[in-house]
Amino acid sequence: MCNVMCKPDGAQSMATNLALDDALIEQARRIGKHRTKKEAVTCALREYVRRRRQLEILDLVGDVPLDEAYDYKPLRRRTTRA
């Protein structure tokens, strides 16, 4: 899944030195079928960011006003038939 979603998107990268758990990175590389550690780390970071953004949506619960009279059902009906 992540092999498809984590392709380079033209974003610029920077050289960074980090002390990371080599065994964990190798495990992620194998499980994700990544060719390199860089691919595994990049994919993991993208998944992390995506998940955190999803969690931010939960913060909106209760903040968005609900129109009790709104009826969504007419929108589900087809207006034209083939």
C-alpha atoms as a PDB file:
ATOM      1  CA  MET A   1       0.000   0.000   0.000  1.00  0.00           C
ATOM      2  CA  CYS A   2       2.612   2.500   1.008  1.00  0.00           C
ATOM      3  CA  ASN A   3       4.770   1.663  -1.999  1.00  0.00           C
ATOM      4  CA  VAL A   4       2.061   3.236  -4.121  1.00  0.00           C
ATOM      5  CA  MET A   5       1.358   6.173  -1.827  1.00  0.00           C
ATOM      6  CA  CYS A   6       4.938   7.078  -0.909  1.00  0.00           C
ATOM      7  CA  LYS A   7       6.461   7.796  -4.272  1.00  0.00           C
ATOM      8  CA  PRO A   8       8.583  10.938  -4.517  1.00  0.00           C
ATOM      9  CA  ASP A   9       6.324  13.904  -5.155  1.00  0.00           C
ATOM     10  CA  GLY A  10       8.922  16.433  -6.122  1.00  0.00           C
ATOM     11  CA  ALA A  11       9.300  17.660  -2.552  1.00  0.00           C
ATOM     12  CA  GLN A  12      12.796  18.715  -1.667  1.00  0.00           C
ATOM     13  CA  SER A  13      14.760  16.656   0.801  1.00  0.00           C
ATOM     14  CA  MET A  14      17.515  17.615   3.161  1.00  0.00           C
ATOM     15  CA  ALA A  15      20.386  15.632   4.574  1.00  0.00           C
ATOM     16  CA  THR A  16      19.742  14.814   8.217  1.00  0.00           C
ATOM     17  CA  ASN A  17      21.705  12.810  10.731  1.00  0.00           C
ATOM     18  CA  LEU A  18      19.528  10.999  13.233  1.00  0.00           C
ATOM     19  CA  ALA A  19      20.234   8.303  15.768  1.00  0.00           C
ATOM     20  CA  LEU A  20      17.541   5.793  14.855  1.00  0.00           C
ATOM     21  CA  ASP A  21      16.910   2.197  15.863  1.00  0.00           C
ATOM     22  CA  ASP A  22      18.504   0.255  12.990  1.00  0.00           C
ATOM     23  CA  ALA A  23      16.586  -2.916  13.800  1.00  0.00           C
ATOM     24  CA  LEU A  24      13.278  -1.042  13.721  1.00  0.00           C
ATOM     25  CA  ILE A  25      14.107   0.625  10.422  1.00  0.00           C
ATOM     26  CA  GLU A  26      15.158  -2.703   8.931  1.00  0.00           C
ATOM     27  CA  GLN A  27      11.930  -4.298  10.118  1.00  0.00           C
ATOM     28  CA  ALA A  28       9.906  -1.459   8.560  1.00  0.00           C
ATOM     29  CA  ARG A  29      11.911  -1.760   5.344  1.00  0.00           C
ATOM     30  CA  ARG A  30      11.201  -5.490   5.069  1.00  0.00           C
ATOM     31  CA  ILE A  31       7.521  -5.272   6.029  1.00  0.00           C
ATOM     32  CA  GLY A  32       6.898  -2.372   3.653  1.00  0.00           C
ATOM     33  CA  LYS A  33       8.997  -3.999   0.918  1.00  0.00           C
ATOM     34  CA  HIS A  34      11.078  -0.841   0.615  1.00  0.00           C
ATOM     35  CA  ARG A  35      14.396  -1.055  -1.197  1.00  0.00           C
ATOM     36  CA  THR A  36      16.142   1.438   1.045  1.00  0.00           C
ATOM     37  CA  LYS A  37      16.047   2.721   4.592  1.00  0.00           C
ATOM     38  CA  LYS A  38      15.296   6.171   3.213  1.00  0.00           C
ATOM     39  CA  GLU A  39      12.156   4.872   1.478  1.00  0.00           C
ATOM     40  CA  ALA A  40      11.023   3.184   4.693  1.00  0.00           C
ATOM     41  CA  VAL A  41      11.579   6.285   6.828  1.00  0.00           C
ATOM     42  CA  THR A  42       9.955   8.602   4.281  1.00  0.00           C
ATOM     43  CA  CYS A  43       6.915   6.367   4.033  1.00  0.00           C
ATOM     44  CA  ALA A  44       6.671   6.083   7.816  1.00  0.00           C
ATOM     45  CA  LEU A  45       6.789   9.865   8.178  1.00  0.00           C
ATOM     46  CA  ARG A  46       4.080  10.327   5.550  1.00  0.00           C
ATOM     47  CA  GLU A  47       1.861   7.783   7.273  1.00  0.00           C
ATOM     48  CA  TYR A  48       2.475   9.526  10.615  1.00  0.00           C
ATOM     49  CA  VAL A  49       1.528  12.936   9.221  1.00  0.00           C
ATOM     50  CA  ARG A  50      -1.568  11.543   7.494  1.00  0.00           C
ATOM     51  CA  ARG A  51      -2.705   9.840  10.706  1.00  0.00           C
ATOM     52  CA  ARG A  52      -2.168  12.983  12.789  1.00  0.00           C
ATOM     53  CA  ARG A  53      -4.199  15.007  10.312  1.00  0.00           C
ATOM     54  CA  GLN A  54      -6.991  12.466  10.586  1.00  0.00           C
ATOM     55  CA  LEU A  55      -6.905  12.807  14.358  1.00  0.00           C
ATOM     56  CA  GLU A  56      -7.230  16.598  14.034  1.00  0.00           C
ATOM     57  CA  ILE A  57     -10.597  16.022  12.376  1.00  0.00           C
ATOM     58  CA  LEU A  58     -11.821  14.385  15.567  1.00  0.00           C
ATOM     59  CA  ASP A  59     -11.138  17.653  17.390  1.00  0.00           C
ATOM     60  CA  LEU A  60     -13.925  19.201  15.300  1.00  0.00           C
ATOM     61  CA  VAL A  61     -16.569  16.910  16.777  1.00  0.00           C
ATOM     62  CA  GLY A  62     -19.113  19.137  18.448  1.00  0.00           C
ATOM     63  CA  ASP A  63     -17.708  22.308  16.871  1.00  0.00           C
ATOM     64  CA  VAL A  64     -19.544  22.001  13.567  1.00  0.00           C
ATOM     65  CA  PRO A  65     -23.188  23.055  13.892  1.00  0.00           C
ATOM     66  CA  LEU A  66     -25.754  20.430  12.991  1.00  0.00           C
ATOM     67  CA  ASP A  67     -28.921  21.378  11.123  1.00  0.00           C
ATOM     68  CA  GLU A  68     -31.544  19.024  12.529  1.00  0.00           C
ATOM     69  CA  ALA A  69     -33.929  19.848   9.649  1.00  0.00           C
ATOM     70  CA  TYR A  70     -31.433  18.902   6.909  1.00  0.00           C
ATOM     71  CA  ASP A  71     -32.571  15.915   4.845  1.00  0.00           C
ATOM     72  CA  TYR A  72     -29.777  14.182   2.965  1.00  0.00           C
ATOM     73  CA  LYS A  73     -31.983  11.482   1.440  1.00  0.00           C
ATOM     74  CA  PRO A  74     -33.110  13.446  -1.651  1.00  0.00           C
ATOM     75  CA  LEU A  75     -29.462  13.866  -2.591  1.00  0.00           C
ATOM     76  CA  ARG A  76     -29.079  10.103  -2.762  1.00  0.00           C
ATOM     77  CA  ARG A  77     -31.841   9.692  -5.313  1.00  0.00           C
ATOM     78  CA  ARG A  78     -30.824   9.654  -8.945  1.00  0.00           C
ATOM     79  CA  THR A  79     -32.151  12.527 -10.972  1.00  0.00           C
ATOM     80  CA  THR A  80     -31.713  10.721 -14.310  1.00  0.00           C
ATOM     81  CA  ARG A  81     -32.121   7.111 -15.215  1.00  0.00           C
ATOM     82  CA  ALA A  82     -30.052   5.328 -17.816  1.00  0.00           C
END
